[in-house]
Structure formats: C-alpha cells, structure tokens
Amino acid sequence: MIAGHIDCLEQAGAEFPKAILAALQTLAKLDFNTLEDGVIATEHAEMKFTLFQAMSDVAANKKPETHIKNIDIHYLVSGEEALGYQPFSPELKVTERFVDADNIFYENHPDCQSMTRLAPGGFAIYFPWDVHMPLCATGVPGKVRKVVVKVPVSSL
C-alpha cells in the first residue's frame, strides 16, 4: 500500500513502477470539472479509469476487499474519505468472490484496519496482497467524487 498526494508526484515519481507513475501522471492532467462520471478514455488502453460519486459510510458497514489481477489506485477528486488497510492473511474469511470482476470481499473487522485519510488530490495504491476498505467516513458520512484506476499486475 502506498499513499500520497498528486502535488508531490514530481518528487515521488521515481519511487513508482512505470505503469503506476503513468496512471498518476494522467490523473494529474485531467480536468474533472469537465468530465462526466463513468469510464474515462485515456491513452492507457490496458488500464481502466472510472470516475464516480458515492457516499462514504462508517467503517463497520464497509467490506474489505482484494483483487488478484489488478492494482487499485484510489484518487479523491472531492469530499473526504478514509480507506482501511490491513495485510492479507489466510485466516481472513471470504464472504463473496466475483472472479469476473476481480473482487474478493472479506468479513469486516474494522478494529484490525489502519485508516488512511484522503483529501482532494490524495491517492492510495493497493496491490493484490493489500486488503483495503474504501469509502469509509472520516466522521459524518458524506458525498465523495473519486477515480479508481485498475492497473493490471501484468503491466508491471
């Protein structure tokens, strides 16, 4: 798991694999005021950029998840969001598995999660071994607008 802010991309860029850096550079260039929610067309055909609005909720109501084929980049456009994180453990109980959507959900134990708080421009990167729980409220649940980028593991 890696967290950062898009304003520090120039300084931190050397730390990222090329595919992840390319996705972050694309996010930095986009004008979200002119984009409608949905899949965003970019020059990265192998990646999927999805812009959407959602409501955050208390962590106890959220579902931790992992992916096998993709790395997730969560980028906050507006609002406030906390994302839970915990390392993968084989002891985690799977509650749902959607192979075609590359989503595996787990039983929620919010007390085991470290929380990362994002403000607009903040991003969090989750690898397949990172159990993450997006859209957690930082206090009172609220509306957020964000992009989730799916970066295929095979592109690294």
C-alpha atoms as a PDB file:
ATOM      1  CA  MET A   1       0.000   0.000   0.000  1.00  0.00           C
ATOM      2  CA  ILE A   2       1.298   3.434  -0.932  1.00  0.00           C
ATOM      3  CA  ALA A   3      -0.402   6.754  -0.157  1.00  0.00           C
ATOM      4  CA  GLY A   4       0.468  10.221  -1.369  1.00  0.00           C
ATOM      5  CA  HIS A   5      -0.754  13.457  -2.891  1.00  0.00           C
ATOM      6  CA  ILE A   6      -0.767  14.334  -6.564  1.00  0.00           C
ATOM      7  CA  ASP A   7       1.041  17.634  -5.809  1.00  0.00           C
ATOM      8  CA  CYS A   8       4.121  15.631  -4.739  1.00  0.00           C
ATOM      9  CA  LEU A   9       4.184  13.443  -7.833  1.00  0.00           C
ATOM     10  CA  GLU A  10       7.280  15.061  -9.328  1.00  0.00           C
ATOM     11  CA  GLN A  11       9.316  14.363  -6.176  1.00  0.00           C
ATOM     12  CA  ALA A  12       7.938  10.863  -5.597  1.00  0.00           C
ATOM     13  CA  GLY A  13       7.715   9.717  -9.224  1.00  0.00           C
ATOM     14  CA  ALA A  14      10.987   7.795  -9.214  1.00  0.00           C
ATOM     15  CA  GLU A  15       9.613   5.534  -6.475  1.00  0.00           C
ATOM     16  CA  PHE A  16       6.750   4.154  -8.590  1.00  0.00           C
ATOM     17  CA  PRO A  17       6.730   1.409 -11.210  1.00  0.00           C
ATOM     18  CA  LYS A  18       6.350   2.933 -14.697  1.00  0.00           C
ATOM     19  CA  ALA A  19       2.728   1.833 -15.176  1.00  0.00           C
ATOM     20  CA  ILE A  20       1.620   3.300 -11.849  1.00  0.00           C
ATOM     21  CA  LEU A  21       3.511   6.528 -12.496  1.00  0.00           C
ATOM     22  CA  ALA A  22       1.865   6.812 -15.928  1.00  0.00           C
ATOM     23  CA  ALA A  23      -1.602   6.395 -14.358  1.00  0.00           C
ATOM     24  CA  LEU A  24      -0.855   9.044 -11.707  1.00  0.00           C
ATOM     25  CA  GLN A  25       0.515  11.458 -14.315  1.00  0.00           C
ATOM     26  CA  THR A  26      -2.701  11.008 -16.312  1.00  0.00           C
ATOM     27  CA  LEU A  27      -4.793  11.739 -13.201  1.00  0.00           C
ATOM     28  CA  ALA A  28      -2.761  14.905 -12.589  1.00  0.00           C
ATOM     29  CA  LYS A  29      -3.611  16.202 -16.100  1.00  0.00           C
ATOM     30  CA  LEU A  30      -7.354  15.520 -16.081  1.00  0.00           C
ATOM     31  CA  ASP A  31      -9.858  18.354 -15.583  1.00  0.00           C
ATOM     32  CA  PHE A  32     -12.560  16.684 -13.512  1.00  0.00           C
ATOM     33  CA  ASN A  33     -14.818  19.752 -13.789  1.00  0.00           C
ATOM     34  CA  THR A  34     -15.357  18.901 -17.455  1.00  0.00           C
ATOM     35  CA  LEU A  35     -15.677  15.121 -17.121  1.00  0.00           C
ATOM     36  CA  GLU A  36     -18.863  13.162 -16.608  1.00  0.00           C
ATOM     37  CA  ASP A  37     -18.931  10.170 -14.308  1.00  0.00           C
ATOM     38  CA  GLY A  38     -18.123   6.856 -15.967  1.00  0.00           C
ATOM     39  CA  VAL A  39     -15.142   5.229 -17.640  1.00  0.00           C
ATOM     40  CA  ILE A  40     -12.629   7.849 -18.785  1.00  0.00           C
ATOM     41  CA  ALA A  41     -10.921   7.319 -22.134  1.00  0.00           C
ATOM     42  CA  THR A  42      -7.132   7.670 -21.808  1.00  0.00           C
ATOM     43  CA  GLU A  43      -4.074   6.646 -23.797  1.00  0.00           C
ATOM     44  CA  HIS A  44      -3.664   3.672 -21.425  1.00  0.00           C
ATOM     45  CA  ALA A  45      -5.871   1.057 -23.069  1.00  0.00           C
ATOM     46  CA  GLU A  46      -4.733  -1.628 -20.617  1.00  0.00           C
ATOM     47  CA  MET A  47      -5.918   0.452 -17.618  1.00  0.00           C
ATOM     48  CA  LYS A  48      -9.459   1.320 -16.618  1.00  0.00           C
ATOM     49  CA  PHE A  49     -10.114   4.799 -15.155  1.00  0.00           C
ATOM     50  CA  THR A  50     -13.581   5.067 -13.573  1.00  0.00           C
ATOM     51  CA  LEU A  51     -14.880   8.387 -12.231  1.00  0.00           C
ATOM     52  CA  PHE A  52     -17.877   8.216  -9.895  1.00  0.00           C
ATOM     53  CA  GLN A  53     -19.701   9.721  -6.936  1.00  0.00           C
ATOM     54  CA  ALA A  54     -20.533   7.760  -3.804  1.00  0.00           C
ATOM     55  CA  MET A  55     -21.415   8.206  -0.165  1.00  0.00           C
ATOM     56  CA  SER A  56     -18.893   7.308   2.493  1.00  0.00           C
ATOM     57  CA  ASP A  57     -20.137   5.283   5.452  1.00  0.00           C
ATOM     58  CA  VAL A  58     -18.937   4.195   8.863  1.00  0.00           C
ATOM     59  CA  ALA A  59     -16.203   1.565   8.659  1.00  0.00           C
ATOM     60  CA  ALA A  60     -18.343  -1.053  10.396  1.00  0.00           C
ATOM     61  CA  ASN A  61     -20.693  -1.044   7.360  1.00  0.00           C
ATOM     62  CA  LYS A  62     -17.971  -1.457   4.722  1.00  0.00           C
ATOM     63  CA  LYS A  63     -16.456  -4.586   3.146  1.00  0.00           C
ATOM     64  CA  PRO A  64     -12.695  -5.187   2.976  1.00  0.00           C
ATOM     65  CA  GLU A  65     -11.574  -6.385  -0.459  1.00  0.00           C
ATOM     66  CA  THR A  66      -8.656  -7.566  -2.549  1.00  0.00           C
ATOM     67  CA  HIS A  67      -8.011  -8.143  -6.227  1.00  0.00           C
ATOM     68  CA  ILE A  68      -5.884 -10.718  -7.977  1.00  0.00           C
ATOM     69  CA  LYS A  69      -5.336  -9.333 -11.490  1.00  0.00           C
ATOM     70  CA  ASN A  70      -5.313  -5.606 -10.751  1.00  0.00           C
ATOM     71  CA  ILE A  71      -3.676  -2.956  -8.635  1.00  0.00           C
ATOM     72  CA  ASP A  72      -6.132  -0.298  -7.442  1.00  0.00           C
ATOM     73  CA  ILE A  73      -5.341   3.404  -7.434  1.00  0.00           C
ATOM     74  CA  HIS A  74      -7.953   5.370  -5.475  1.00  0.00           C
ATOM     75  CA  TYR A  75      -7.792   9.104  -6.273  1.00  0.00           C
ATOM     76  CA  LEU A  76     -10.027  11.560  -4.446  1.00  0.00           C
ATOM     77  CA  VAL A  77     -11.466  14.406  -6.526  1.00  0.00           C
ATOM     78  CA  SER A  78     -13.749  15.955  -3.882  1.00  0.00           C
ATOM     79  CA  GLY A  79     -15.031  15.272  -0.389  1.00  0.00           C
ATOM     80  CA  GLU A  80     -13.221  13.351   2.336  1.00  0.00           C
ATOM     81  CA  GLU A  81     -12.580   9.645   2.522  1.00  0.00           C
ATOM     82  CA  ALA A  82     -10.811   7.224   4.788  1.00  0.00           C
ATOM     83  CA  LEU A  83      -9.608   3.905   3.440  1.00  0.00           C
ATOM     84  CA  GLY A  84      -8.928   0.935   5.655  1.00  0.00           C
ATOM     85  CA  TYR A  85      -5.871  -1.229   5.129  1.00  0.00           C
ATOM     86  CA  GLN A  86      -4.562  -4.480   6.533  1.00  0.00           C
ATOM     87  CA  PRO A  87      -2.066  -7.005   5.206  1.00  0.00           C
ATOM     88  CA  PHE A  88      -3.511 -10.160   3.717  1.00  0.00           C
ATOM     89  CA  SER A  89      -3.790 -13.178   5.986  1.00  0.00           C
ATOM     90  CA  PRO A  90      -5.045 -16.642   5.003  1.00  0.00           C
ATOM     91  CA  GLU A  91      -7.139 -16.505   8.183  1.00  0.00           C
ATOM     92  CA  LEU A  92      -9.408 -13.817   6.697  1.00  0.00           C
ATOM     93  CA  LYS A  93     -12.864 -15.206   5.987  1.00  0.00           C
ATOM     94  CA  VAL A  94     -14.046 -14.699   2.392  1.00  0.00           C
ATOM     95  CA  THR A  95     -17.690 -13.576   2.256  1.00  0.00           C
ATOM     96  CA  GLU A  96     -18.041 -13.039  -1.519  1.00  0.00           C
ATOM     97  CA  ARG A  97     -15.934 -13.805  -4.569  1.00  0.00           C
ATOM     98  CA  PHE A  98     -16.580 -12.309  -8.021  1.00  0.00           C
ATOM     99  CA  VAL A  99     -13.946 -13.786 -10.312  1.00  0.00           C
ATOM    100  CA  ASP A 100     -15.074 -11.931 -13.464  1.00  0.00           C
ATOM    101  CA  ALA A 101     -14.993  -8.584 -11.628  1.00  0.00           C
ATOM    102  CA  ASP A 102     -11.687  -9.409  -9.879  1.00  0.00           C
ATOM    103  CA  ASN A 103     -13.204  -8.737  -6.446  1.00  0.00           C
ATOM    104  CA  ILE A 104     -12.855 -10.782  -3.284  1.00  0.00           C
ATOM    105  CA  PHE A 105     -14.650  -9.497  -0.186  1.00  0.00           C
ATOM    106  CA  TYR A 106     -13.885 -10.446   3.403  1.00  0.00           C
ATOM    107  CA  GLU A 107     -15.527 -10.403   6.789  1.00  0.00           C
ATOM    108  CA  ASN A 108     -15.144  -6.945   8.276  1.00  0.00           C
ATOM    109  CA  HIS A 109     -13.075  -6.383  11.411  1.00  0.00           C
ATOM    110  CA  PRO A 110     -12.669  -2.569  11.443  1.00  0.00           C
ATOM    111  CA  ASP A 111     -10.555  -2.755  14.594  1.00  0.00           C
ATOM    112  CA  CYS A 112      -7.864  -4.558  12.524  1.00  0.00           C
ATOM    113  CA  GLN A 113      -7.737  -1.835   9.870  1.00  0.00           C
ATOM    114  CA  SER A 114      -5.253   1.039   9.733  1.00  0.00           C
ATOM    115  CA  MET A 115      -7.029   4.056   8.280  1.00  0.00           C
ATOM    116  CA  THR A 116      -5.587   6.406   5.658  1.00  0.00           C
ATOM    117  CA  ARG A 117      -7.420   9.687   5.257  1.00  0.00           C
ATOM    118  CA  LEU A 118      -7.572  11.290   1.823  1.00  0.00           C
ATOM    119  CA  ALA A 119      -8.384  14.888   0.940  1.00  0.00           C
ATOM    120  CA  PRO A 120      -8.854  16.056  -2.669  1.00  0.00           C
ATOM    121  CA  GLY A 121      -5.735  15.221  -4.676  1.00  0.00           C
ATOM    122  CA  GLY A 122      -4.827  12.360  -2.356  1.00  0.00           C
ATOM    123  CA  PHE A 123      -4.310   8.864  -3.652  1.00  0.00           C
ATOM    124  CA  ALA A 124      -3.827   5.375  -2.260  1.00  0.00           C
ATOM    125  CA  ILE A 125      -2.404   2.437  -4.197  1.00  0.00           C
ATOM    126  CA  TYR A 126      -3.342  -1.119  -3.244  1.00  0.00           C
ATOM    127  CA  PHE A 127      -1.560  -4.212  -4.520  1.00  0.00           C
ATOM    128  CA  PRO A 128      -3.180  -7.680  -4.619  1.00  0.00           C
ATOM    129  CA  TRP A 129      -1.792  -8.529  -1.173  1.00  0.00           C
ATOM    130  CA  ASP A 130      -3.278  -5.366   0.368  1.00  0.00           C
ATOM    131  CA  VAL A 131      -6.691  -5.813   1.938  1.00  0.00           C
ATOM    132  CA  HIS A 132      -8.409  -2.453   1.588  1.00  0.00           C
ATOM    133  CA  MET A 133     -11.733  -0.937   2.535  1.00  0.00           C
ATOM    134  CA  PRO A 134     -12.652   2.198   0.546  1.00  0.00           C
ATOM    135  CA  LEU A 135     -15.315   4.830   1.153  1.00  0.00           C
ATOM    136  CA  CYS A 136     -15.100   4.955   4.931  1.00  0.00           C
ATOM    137  CA  ALA A 137     -16.356   8.171   6.514  1.00  0.00           C
ATOM    138  CA  THR A 138     -13.826  10.428   8.226  1.00  0.00           C
ATOM    139  CA  GLY A 139     -16.565  11.489  10.644  1.00  0.00           C
ATOM    140  CA  VAL A 140     -20.100  12.041   9.416  1.00  0.00           C
ATOM    141  CA  PRO A 141     -20.765  10.106   6.178  1.00  0.00           C
ATOM    142  CA  GLY A 142     -20.636  12.350   3.138  1.00  0.00           C
ATOM    143  CA  LYS A 143     -20.513  12.558  -0.639  1.00  0.00           C
ATOM    144  CA  VAL A 144     -17.226  11.934  -2.414  1.00  0.00           C
ATOM    145  CA  ARG A 145     -16.185  12.028  -6.041  1.00  0.00           C
ATOM    146  CA  LYS A 146     -13.270   9.840  -6.933  1.00  0.00           C
ATOM    147  CA  VAL A 147     -11.496   7.842  -9.601  1.00  0.00           C
ATOM    148  CA  VAL A 148     -10.485   4.225  -9.247  1.00  0.00           C
ATOM    149  CA  VAL A 149      -7.833   3.127 -11.714  1.00  0.00           C
ATOM    150  CA  LYS A 150      -7.389  -0.580 -12.379  1.00  0.00           C
ATOM    151  CA  VAL A 151      -3.781  -1.243 -13.341  1.00  0.00           C
ATOM    152  CA  PRO A 152      -3.184  -4.822 -14.489  1.00  0.00           C
ATOM    153  CA  VAL A 153      -0.493  -6.567 -12.445  1.00  0.00           C
ATOM    154  CA  SER A 154       0.817  -7.879 -15.753  1.00  0.00           C
ATOM    155  CA  SER A 155       1.742  -4.303 -16.781  1.00  0.00           C
ATOM    156  CA  LEU A 156       4.420  -4.021 -14.087  1.00  0.00           C
END
